[in-house]
Amino acid sequence: MSQTSRDTRKTSRHGLLWFIALWLLGVGGTALLVLPFHLLVTAAMHH
């Protein structure tokens, strides 16, 4: 295996890891943003 193909594979894996990390960060941030509204709606439903 040549050095260039190994570097390309490492770069693509690095990009994939960044994509997954940013996606998880986005999902977590969205969940934290929506949580207060969810709690307000559930509290309103109980009254």
C-alpha atoms as a PDB file:
ATOM      1  CA  MET A   1       0.000   0.000   0.000  1.00  0.00           C
ATOM      2  CA  SER A   2       1.386   3.378  -0.894  1.00  0.00           C
ATOM      3  CA  GLN A   3       1.766   6.258   1.530  1.00  0.00           C
ATOM      4  CA  THR A   4      -0.675   8.480  -0.388  1.00  0.00           C
ATOM      5  CA  SER A   5      -3.578   6.031  -0.184  1.00  0.00           C
ATOM      6  CA  ARG A   6      -2.927   5.548   3.545  1.00  0.00           C
ATOM      7  CA  ASP A   7      -2.953   9.333   4.074  1.00  0.00           C
ATOM      8  CA  THR A   8      -6.154   9.677   2.047  1.00  0.00           C
ATOM      9  CA  ARG A   9      -7.868   7.000   4.107  1.00  0.00           C
ATOM     10  CA  LYS A  10      -6.716   8.642   7.348  1.00  0.00           C
ATOM     11  CA  THR A  11      -7.994  12.027   6.156  1.00  0.00           C
ATOM     12  CA  SER A  12     -11.385  10.625   5.172  1.00  0.00           C
ATOM     13  CA  ARG A  13     -11.678   8.812   8.521  1.00  0.00           C
ATOM     14  CA  HIS A  14     -10.750  12.048  10.289  1.00  0.00           C
ATOM     15  CA  GLY A  15     -13.456  13.880   8.345  1.00  0.00           C
ATOM     16  CA  LEU A  16     -16.007  11.196   9.198  1.00  0.00           C
ATOM     17  CA  LEU A  17     -15.146  11.440  12.897  1.00  0.00           C
ATOM     18  CA  TRP A  18     -15.569  15.219  12.762  1.00  0.00           C
ATOM     19  CA  PHE A  19     -18.923  14.790  11.018  1.00  0.00           C
ATOM     20  CA  ILE A  20     -20.144  12.346  13.681  1.00  0.00           C
ATOM     21  CA  ALA A  21     -18.877  14.547  16.526  1.00  0.00           C
ATOM     22  CA  LEU A  22     -20.549  17.670  15.138  1.00  0.00           C
ATOM     23  CA  TRP A  23     -23.768  15.753  14.428  1.00  0.00           C
ATOM     24  CA  LEU A  24     -23.883  14.469  18.015  1.00  0.00           C
ATOM     25  CA  LEU A  25     -23.159  17.962  19.298  1.00  0.00           C
ATOM     26  CA  GLY A  26     -26.028  19.308  17.203  1.00  0.00           C
ATOM     27  CA  VAL A  27     -28.439  16.638  18.421  1.00  0.00           C
ATOM     28  CA  GLY A  28     -27.430  17.226  22.047  1.00  0.00           C
ATOM     29  CA  GLY A  29     -27.707  20.995  21.674  1.00  0.00           C
ATOM     30  CA  THR A  30     -31.141  20.686  20.110  1.00  0.00           C
ATOM     31  CA  ALA A  31     -32.290  18.377  22.905  1.00  0.00           C
ATOM     32  CA  LEU A  32     -31.098  20.860  25.542  1.00  0.00           C
ATOM     33  CA  LEU A  33     -32.799  23.708  23.692  1.00  0.00           C
ATOM     34  CA  VAL A  34     -36.126  21.863  23.445  1.00  0.00           C
ATOM     35  CA  LEU A  35     -36.128  20.464  26.993  1.00  0.00           C
ATOM     36  CA  PRO A  36     -37.576  23.567  28.733  1.00  0.00           C
ATOM     37  CA  PHE A  37     -40.421  23.750  26.204  1.00  0.00           C
ATOM     38  CA  HIS A  38     -41.101  20.051  26.637  1.00  0.00           C
ATOM     39  CA  LEU A  39     -41.263  20.495  30.401  1.00  0.00           C
ATOM     40  CA  LEU A  40     -43.611  23.471  30.024  1.00  0.00           C
ATOM     41  CA  VAL A  41     -45.947  21.499  27.780  1.00  0.00           C
ATOM     42  CA  THR A  42     -46.012  18.487  30.101  1.00  0.00           C
ATOM     43  CA  ALA A  43     -46.646  20.758  33.106  1.00  0.00           C
ATOM     44  CA  ALA A  44     -49.501  22.474  31.249  1.00  0.00           C
ATOM     45  CA  MET A  45     -51.033  19.108  30.315  1.00  0.00           C
ATOM     46  CA  HIS A  46     -51.190  18.059  33.983  1.00  0.00           C
ATOM     47  CA  HIS A  47     -53.099  21.147  35.120  1.00  0.00           C
END
